[in-house]
Amino acid sequence: MKKVFVDSKAEPSTWLKNNPATYEFKLTAGVPAGNYTWAVAIVDTTKENQPGIKIAVNGDLTSTGWLKLMDVAVQ
């Protein structure tokens, strides 16, 4: 199961290299119990929320541009 959450209040243009920042996004997932992978991307809302900007990170990026953060278990 895939579910996308878009935070329209985020402003990634202010997230700059060598300028640490914190960001908090609270949500109610509303997904069935099970194991999931939490991944993030800066999406293009005009293109069905597909990743629109490549994230410059050392991490586990999918072939479509999502950065895998962690496994999540919903009970």
PDB file of N, CA and C in Angstrom:
ATOM      1  N   MET A   1       0.840  -1.170   0.000  1.00  0.00           N
ATOM      2  CA  MET A   1       0.000   0.000   0.000  1.00  0.00           C
ATOM      3  C   MET A   1       0.891   1.241   0.000  1.00  0.00           C
ATOM      4  N   LYS A   2       0.553   2.186  -0.827  1.00  0.00           N
ATOM      5  CA  LYS A   2       1.287   3.446  -0.919  1.00  0.00           C
ATOM      6  C   LYS A   2       0.344   4.583  -0.571  1.00  0.00           C
ATOM      7  N   LYS A   3       0.818   5.501   0.277  1.00  0.00           N
ATOM      8  CA  LYS A   3       0.012   6.663   0.642  1.00  0.00           C
ATOM      9  C   LYS A   3       0.939   7.863   0.674  1.00  0.00           C
ATOM     10  N   VAL A   4       0.493   8.969   0.101  1.00  0.00           N
ATOM     11  CA  VAL A   4       1.305  10.183   0.031  1.00  0.00           C
ATOM     12  C   VAL A   4       0.647  11.268   0.876  1.00  0.00           C
ATOM     13  N   PHE A   5       1.458  11.930   1.699  1.00  0.00           N
ATOM     14  CA  PHE A   5       1.010  13.060   2.492  1.00  0.00           C
ATOM     15  C   PHE A   5       1.803  14.278   2.031  1.00  0.00           C
ATOM     16  N   VAL A   6       1.126  15.367   1.720  1.00  0.00           N
ATOM     17  CA  VAL A   6       1.795  16.590   1.277  1.00  0.00           C
ATOM     18  C   VAL A   6       1.588  17.665   2.339  1.00  0.00           C
ATOM     19  N   ASP A   7       2.694  18.246   2.805  1.00  0.00           N
ATOM     20  CA  ASP A   7       2.628  19.327   3.776  1.00  0.00           C
ATOM     21  C   ASP A   7       2.812  20.643   3.032  1.00  0.00           C
ATOM     22  N   SER A   8       1.733  21.358   2.820  1.00  0.00           N
ATOM     23  CA  SER A   8       1.794  22.605   2.060  1.00  0.00           C
ATOM     24  C   SER A   8       2.421  23.744   2.851  1.00  0.00           C
ATOM     25  N   LYS A   9       2.668  23.540   4.155  1.00  0.00           N
ATOM     26  CA  LYS A   9       3.300  24.573   4.974  1.00  0.00           C
ATOM     27  C   LYS A   9       4.825  24.501   4.933  1.00  0.00           C
ATOM     28  N   ALA A  10       5.369  23.432   4.406  1.00  0.00           N
ATOM     29  CA  ALA A  10       6.826  23.276   4.346  1.00  0.00           C
ATOM     30  C   ALA A  10       7.421  24.275   3.366  1.00  0.00           C
ATOM     31  N   GLU A  11       8.615  24.768   3.685  1.00  0.00           N
ATOM     32  CA  GLU A  11       9.306  25.699   2.795  1.00  0.00           C
ATOM     33  C   GLU A  11      10.760  25.243   2.631  1.00  0.00           C
ATOM     34  N   PRO A  12      10.972  24.223   1.768  1.00  0.00           N
ATOM     35  CA  PRO A  12      12.319  23.650   1.627  1.00  0.00           C
ATOM     36  C   PRO A  12      13.364  24.616   1.083  1.00  0.00           C
ATOM     37  N   SER A  13      12.946  25.737   0.516  1.00  0.00           N
ATOM     38  CA  SER A  13      13.940  26.697   0.007  1.00  0.00           C
ATOM     39  C   SER A  13      14.757  27.309   1.145  1.00  0.00           C
ATOM     40  N   THR A  14      14.288  27.175   2.387  1.00  0.00           N
ATOM     41  CA  THR A  14      15.033  27.703   3.533  1.00  0.00           C
ATOM     42  C   THR A  14      15.939  26.659   4.172  1.00  0.00           C
ATOM     43  N   TRP A  15      15.891  25.416   3.690  1.00  0.00           N
ATOM     44  CA  TRP A  15      16.714  24.346   4.248  1.00  0.00           C
ATOM     45  C   TRP A  15      18.047  24.346   3.501  1.00  0.00           C
ATOM     46  N   LEU A  16      19.033  25.021   4.039  1.00  0.00           N
ATOM     47  CA  LEU A  16      20.285  25.244   3.343  1.00  0.00           C
ATOM     48  C   LEU A  16      21.449  24.478   3.959  1.00  0.00           C
ATOM     49  N   LYS A  17      22.415  24.125   3.125  1.00  0.00           N
ATOM     50  CA  LYS A  17      23.614  23.424   3.554  1.00  0.00           C
ATOM     51  C   LYS A  17      24.336  24.260   4.617  1.00  0.00           C
ATOM     52  N   ASN A  18      24.871  23.571   5.612  1.00  0.00           N
ATOM     53  CA  ASN A  18      25.613  24.189   6.720  1.00  0.00           C
ATOM     54  C   ASN A  18      24.764  25.144   7.559  1.00  0.00           C
ATOM     55  N   ASN A  19      23.453  25.005   7.479  1.00  0.00           N
ATOM     56  CA  ASN A  19      22.542  25.816   8.278  1.00  0.00           C
ATOM     57  C   ASN A  19      21.500  24.861   8.872  1.00  0.00           C
ATOM     58  N   PRO A  20      21.867  24.159   9.965  1.00  0.00           N
ATOM     59  CA  PRO A  20      20.970  23.138  10.536  1.00  0.00           C
ATOM     60  C   PRO A  20      19.584  23.703  10.840  1.00  0.00           C
ATOM     61  N   ALA A  21      18.593  22.890  10.579  1.00  0.00           N
ATOM     62  CA  ALA A  21      17.211  23.280  10.841  1.00  0.00           C
ATOM     63  C   ALA A  21      16.454  22.067  11.351  1.00  0.00           C
ATOM     64  N   THR A  22      15.368  22.324  12.037  1.00  0.00           N
ATOM     65  CA  THR A  22      14.486  21.232  12.448  1.00  0.00           C
ATOM     66  C   THR A  22      13.157  21.418  11.738  1.00  0.00           C
ATOM     67  N   TYR A  23      12.452  20.312  11.588  1.00  0.00           N
ATOM     68  CA  TYR A  23      11.162  20.348  10.916  1.00  0.00           C
ATOM     69  C   TYR A  23      10.263  19.302  11.540  1.00  0.00           C
ATOM     70  N   GLU A  24       9.024  19.658  11.792  1.00  0.00           N
ATOM     71  CA  GLU A  24       8.077  18.731  12.393  1.00  0.00           C
ATOM     72  C   GLU A  24       6.822  18.672  11.539  1.00  0.00           C
ATOM     73  N   PHE A  25       6.366  17.452  11.285  1.00  0.00           N
ATOM     74  CA  PHE A  25       5.167  17.227  10.484  1.00  0.00           C
ATOM     75  C   PHE A  25       4.333  16.178  11.205  1.00  0.00           C
ATOM     76  N   LYS A  26       3.195  16.579  11.729  1.00  0.00           N
ATOM     77  CA  LYS A  26       2.315  15.659  12.451  1.00  0.00           C
ATOM     78  C   LYS A  26       1.157  15.267  11.543  1.00  0.00           C
ATOM     79  N   LEU A  27       0.802  13.986  11.594  1.00  0.00           N
ATOM     80  CA  LEU A  27      -0.304  13.505  10.778  1.00  0.00           C
ATOM     81  C   LEU A  27      -0.937  12.287  11.394  1.00  0.00           C
ATOM     82  N   THR A  28      -2.125  12.006  10.941  1.00  0.00           N
ATOM     83  CA  THR A  28      -2.798  10.748  11.256  1.00  0.00           C
ATOM     84  C   THR A  28      -2.757   9.938   9.977  1.00  0.00           C
ATOM     85  N   ALA A  29      -2.041   8.815  10.030  1.00  0.00           N
ATOM     86  CA  ALA A  29      -1.778   8.047   8.812  1.00  0.00           C
ATOM     87  C   ALA A  29      -3.033   7.407   8.226  1.00  0.00           C
ATOM     88  N   GLY A  30      -3.868   6.835   9.055  1.00  0.00           N
ATOM     89  CA  GLY A  30      -5.092   6.215   8.551  1.00  0.00           C
ATOM     90  C   GLY A  30      -4.825   5.056   7.601  1.00  0.00           C
ATOM     91  N   VAL A  31      -3.838   4.235   7.942  1.00  0.00           N
ATOM     92  CA  VAL A  31      -3.513   3.069   7.115  1.00  0.00           C
ATOM     93  C   VAL A  31      -3.755   1.803   7.922  1.00  0.00           C
ATOM     94  N   PRO A  32      -3.994   0.696   7.261  1.00  0.00           N
ATOM     95  CA  PRO A  32      -4.191  -0.562   7.976  1.00  0.00           C
ATOM     96  C   PRO A  32      -2.924  -0.986   8.717  1.00  0.00           C
ATOM     97  N   ALA A  33      -3.102  -1.810   9.746  1.00  0.00           N
ATOM     98  CA  ALA A  33      -1.967  -2.356  10.477  1.00  0.00           C
ATOM     99  C   ALA A  33      -1.049  -3.085   9.505  1.00  0.00           C
ATOM    100  N   GLY A  34       0.245  -2.963   9.763  1.00  0.00           N
ATOM    101  CA  GLY A  34       1.215  -3.635   8.907  1.00  0.00           C
ATOM    102  C   GLY A  34       2.562  -2.950   8.968  1.00  0.00           C
ATOM    103  N   ASN A  35       3.484  -3.425   8.159  1.00  0.00           N
ATOM    104  CA  ASN A  35       4.832  -2.877   8.100  1.00  0.00           C
ATOM    105  C   ASN A  35       4.972  -2.012   6.854  1.00  0.00           C
ATOM    106  N   TYR A  36       5.566  -0.844   7.040  1.00  0.00           N
ATOM    107  CA  TYR A  36       5.697   0.132   5.970  1.00  0.00           C
ATOM    108  C   TYR A  36       7.114   0.698   5.942  1.00  0.00           C
ATOM    109  N   THR A  37       7.452   1.361   4.862  1.00  0.00           N
ATOM    110  CA  THR A  37       8.691   2.123   4.763  1.00  0.00           C
ATOM    111  C   THR A  37       8.319   3.590   4.683  1.00  0.00           C
ATOM    112  N   TRP A  38       8.907   4.409   5.580  1.00  0.00           N
ATOM    113  CA  TRP A  38       8.666   5.856   5.571  1.00  0.00           C
ATOM    114  C   TRP A  38       9.713   6.474   4.660  1.00  0.00           C
ATOM    115  N   ALA A  39       9.275   7.212   3.655  1.00  0.00           N
ATOM    116  CA  ALA A  39      10.178   7.856   2.708  1.00  0.00           C
ATOM    117  C   ALA A  39       9.696   9.281   2.452  1.00  0.00           C
ATOM    118  N   VAL A  40      10.621  10.154   2.103  1.00  0.00           N
ATOM    119  CA  VAL A  40      10.279  11.555   1.857  1.00  0.00           C
ATOM    120  C   VAL A  40      10.834  12.022   0.520  1.00  0.00           C
ATOM    121  N   ALA A  41      10.225  13.084   0.002  1.00  0.00           N
ATOM    122  CA  ALA A  41      10.697  13.711  -1.233  1.00  0.00           C
ATOM    123  C   ALA A  41      10.144  15.124  -1.285  1.00  0.00           C
ATOM    124  N   ILE A  42      10.795  15.963  -2.047  1.00  0.00           N
ATOM    125  CA  ILE A  42      10.241  17.276  -2.361  1.00  0.00           C
ATOM    126  C   ILE A  42       9.481  17.074  -3.665  1.00  0.00           C
ATOM    127  N   VAL A  43       8.161  17.130  -3.580  1.00  0.00           N
ATOM    128  CA  VAL A  43       7.324  16.729  -4.712  1.00  0.00           C
ATOM    129  C   VAL A  43       6.838  17.916  -5.530  1.00  0.00           C
ATOM    130  N   ASP A  44       6.430  17.605  -6.742  1.00  0.00           N
ATOM    131  CA  ASP A  44       5.806  18.579  -7.643  1.00  0.00           C
ATOM    132  C   ASP A  44       4.306  18.309  -7.600  1.00  0.00           C
ATOM    133  N   THR A  45       3.556  19.184  -6.958  1.00  0.00           N
ATOM    134  CA  THR A  45       2.117  18.953  -6.812  1.00  0.00           C
ATOM    135  C   THR A  45       1.367  19.076  -8.133  1.00  0.00           C
ATOM    136  N   THR A  46       2.007  19.619  -9.160  1.00  0.00           N
ATOM    137  CA  THR A  46       1.362  19.705 -10.478  1.00  0.00           C
ATOM    138  C   THR A  46       1.588  18.426 -11.286  1.00  0.00           C
ATOM    139  N   LYS A  47       2.402  17.520 -10.756  1.00  0.00           N
ATOM    140  CA  LYS A  47       2.690  16.259 -11.451  1.00  0.00           C
ATOM    141  C   LYS A  47       2.392  15.069 -10.552  1.00  0.00           C
ATOM    142  N   GLU A  48       1.185  15.071  -9.976  1.00  0.00           N
ATOM    143  CA  GLU A  48       0.695  13.967  -9.160  1.00  0.00           C
ATOM    144  C   GLU A  48       1.619  13.624  -8.010  1.00  0.00           C
ATOM    145  N   ASN A  49       2.241  14.640  -7.385  1.00  0.00           N
ATOM    146  CA  ASN A  49       3.092  14.486  -6.202  1.00  0.00           C
ATOM    147  C   ASN A  49       4.280  13.558  -6.420  1.00  0.00           C
ATOM    148  N   GLN A  50       4.820  13.584  -7.605  1.00  0.00           N
ATOM    149  CA  GLN A  50       6.052  12.844  -7.889  1.00  0.00           C
ATOM    150  C   GLN A  50       7.239  13.713  -7.466  1.00  0.00           C
ATOM    151  N   PRO A  51       8.348  13.105  -7.052  1.00  0.00           N
ATOM    152  CA  PRO A  51       9.514  13.901  -6.668  1.00  0.00           C
ATOM    153  C   PRO A  51       9.872  14.893  -7.779  1.00  0.00           C
ATOM    154  N   GLY A  52      10.007  16.163  -7.387  1.00  0.00           N
ATOM    155  CA  GLY A  52      10.265  17.215  -8.361  1.00  0.00           C
ATOM    156  C   GLY A  52      11.665  17.796  -8.260  1.00  0.00           C
ATOM    157  N   ILE A  53      12.305  17.636  -7.095  1.00  0.00           N
ATOM    158  CA  ILE A  53      13.668  18.133  -6.874  1.00  0.00           C
ATOM    159  C   ILE A  53      14.476  16.988  -6.282  1.00  0.00           C
ATOM    160  N   LYS A  54      15.619  16.712  -6.854  1.00  0.00           N
ATOM    161  CA  LYS A  54      16.479  15.657  -6.317  1.00  0.00           C
ATOM    162  C   LYS A  54      17.074  16.112  -4.994  1.00  0.00           C
ATOM    163  N   ILE A  55      16.959  15.269  -3.980  1.00  0.00           N
ATOM    164  CA  ILE A  55      17.500  15.573  -2.663  1.00  0.00           C
ATOM    165  C   ILE A  55      18.972  15.189  -2.647  1.00  0.00           C
ATOM    166  N   ALA A  56      19.835  16.131  -2.279  1.00  0.00           N
ATOM    167  CA  ALA A  56      21.277  15.883  -2.232  1.00  0.00           C
ATOM    168  C   ALA A  56      21.642  15.323  -0.858  1.00  0.00           C
ATOM    169  N   VAL A  57      21.556  14.005  -0.729  1.00  0.00           N
ATOM    170  CA  VAL A  57      21.843  13.344   0.543  1.00  0.00           C
ATOM    171  C   VAL A  57      22.601  12.052   0.296  1.00  0.00           C
ATOM    172  N   ASN A  58      23.275  11.605   1.339  1.00  0.00           N
ATOM    173  CA  ASN A  58      23.843  10.262   1.334  1.00  0.00           C
ATOM    174  C   ASN A  58      22.810   9.398   2.037  1.00  0.00           C
ATOM    175  N   GLY A  59      22.148   8.563   1.309  1.00  0.00           N
ATOM    176  CA  GLY A  59      21.114   7.739   1.910  1.00  0.00           C
ATOM    177  C   GLY A  59      20.549   6.776   0.899  1.00  0.00           C
ATOM    178  N   ASP A  60      19.507   6.116   1.303  1.00  0.00           N
ATOM    179  CA  ASP A  60      18.873   5.087   0.486  1.00  0.00           C
ATOM    180  C   ASP A  60      17.792   5.737  -0.380  1.00  0.00           C
ATOM    181  N   LEU A  61      18.188   6.168  -1.577  1.00  0.00           N
ATOM    182  CA  LEU A  61      17.240   6.780  -2.517  1.00  0.00           C
ATOM    183  C   LEU A  61      16.656   5.713  -3.438  1.00  0.00           C
ATOM    184  N   THR A  62      15.344   5.805  -3.674  1.00  0.00           N
ATOM    185  CA  THR A  62      14.729   4.889  -4.621  1.00  0.00           C
ATOM    186  C   THR A  62      15.037   5.367  -6.042  1.00  0.00           C
ATOM    187  N   SER A  63      14.767   4.545  -7.013  1.00  0.00           N
ATOM    188  CA  SER A  63      15.014   4.913  -8.407  1.00  0.00           C
ATOM    189  C   SER A  63      14.112   6.060  -8.860  1.00  0.00           C
ATOM    190  N   THR A  64      13.015   6.306  -8.129  1.00  0.00           N
ATOM    191  CA  THR A  64      12.103   7.389  -8.488  1.00  0.00           C
ATOM    192  C   THR A  64      12.340   8.665  -7.676  1.00  0.00           C
ATOM    193  N   GLY A  65      13.347   8.663  -6.777  1.00  0.00           N
ATOM    194  CA  GLY A  65      13.714   9.877  -6.070  1.00  0.00           C
ATOM    195  C   GLY A  65      13.213  10.035  -4.650  1.00  0.00           C
ATOM    196  N   TRP A  66      12.659   8.992  -4.068  1.00  0.00           N
ATOM    197  CA  TRP A  66      12.220   9.046  -2.669  1.00  0.00           C
ATOM    198  C   TRP A  66      13.370   8.625  -1.763  1.00  0.00           C
ATOM    199  N   LEU A  67      13.565   9.342  -0.649  1.00  0.00           N
ATOM    200  CA  LEU A  67      14.590   9.010   0.335  1.00  0.00           C
ATOM    201  C   LEU A  67      13.962   8.150   1.424  1.00  0.00           C
ATOM    202  N   LYS A  68      14.406   6.897   1.520  1.00  0.00           N
ATOM    203  CA  LYS A  68      13.876   5.997   2.547  1.00  0.00           C
ATOM    204  C   LYS A  68      14.499   6.378   3.888  1.00  0.00           C
ATOM    205  N   LEU A  69      13.627   6.644   4.872  1.00  0.00           N
ATOM    206  CA  LEU A  69      14.092   7.047   6.196  1.00  0.00           C
ATOM    207  C   LEU A  69      14.130   5.888   7.182  1.00  0.00           C
ATOM    208  N   MET A  70      13.029   5.130   7.268  1.00  0.00           N
ATOM    209  CA  MET A  70      12.965   4.066   8.259  1.00  0.00           C
ATOM    210  C   MET A  70      11.796   3.138   7.968  1.00  0.00           C
ATOM    211  N   ASP A  71      11.845   1.979   8.611  1.00  0.00           N
ATOM    212  CA  ASP A  71      10.712   1.067   8.579  1.00  0.00           C
ATOM    213  C   ASP A  71       9.788   1.445   9.727  1.00  0.00           C
ATOM    214  N   VAL A  72       8.494   1.336   9.492  1.00  0.00           N
ATOM    215  CA  VAL A  72       7.483   1.700  10.490  1.00  0.00           C
ATOM    216  C   VAL A  72       6.496   0.537  10.621  1.00  0.00           C
ATOM    217  N   ALA A  73       6.162   0.202  11.871  1.00  0.00           N
ATOM    218  CA  ALA A  73       5.147  -0.827  12.120  1.00  0.00           C
ATOM    219  C   ALA A  73       3.904  -0.139  12.691  1.00  0.00           C
ATOM    220  N   VAL A  74       2.777  -0.312  12.002  1.00  0.00           N
ATOM    221  CA  VAL A  74       1.496   0.234  12.456  1.00  0.00           C
ATOM    222  C   VAL A  74       0.719  -0.906  13.070  1.00  0.00           C
ATOM    223  N   GLN A  75       0.252  -0.695  14.301  1.00  0.00           N
ATOM    224  CA  GLN A  75      -0.491  -1.764  14.993  1.00  0.00           C
ATOM    225  C   GLN A  75      -1.950  -1.425  15.120  1.00  0.00           C
TER     226      GLN A  75
END
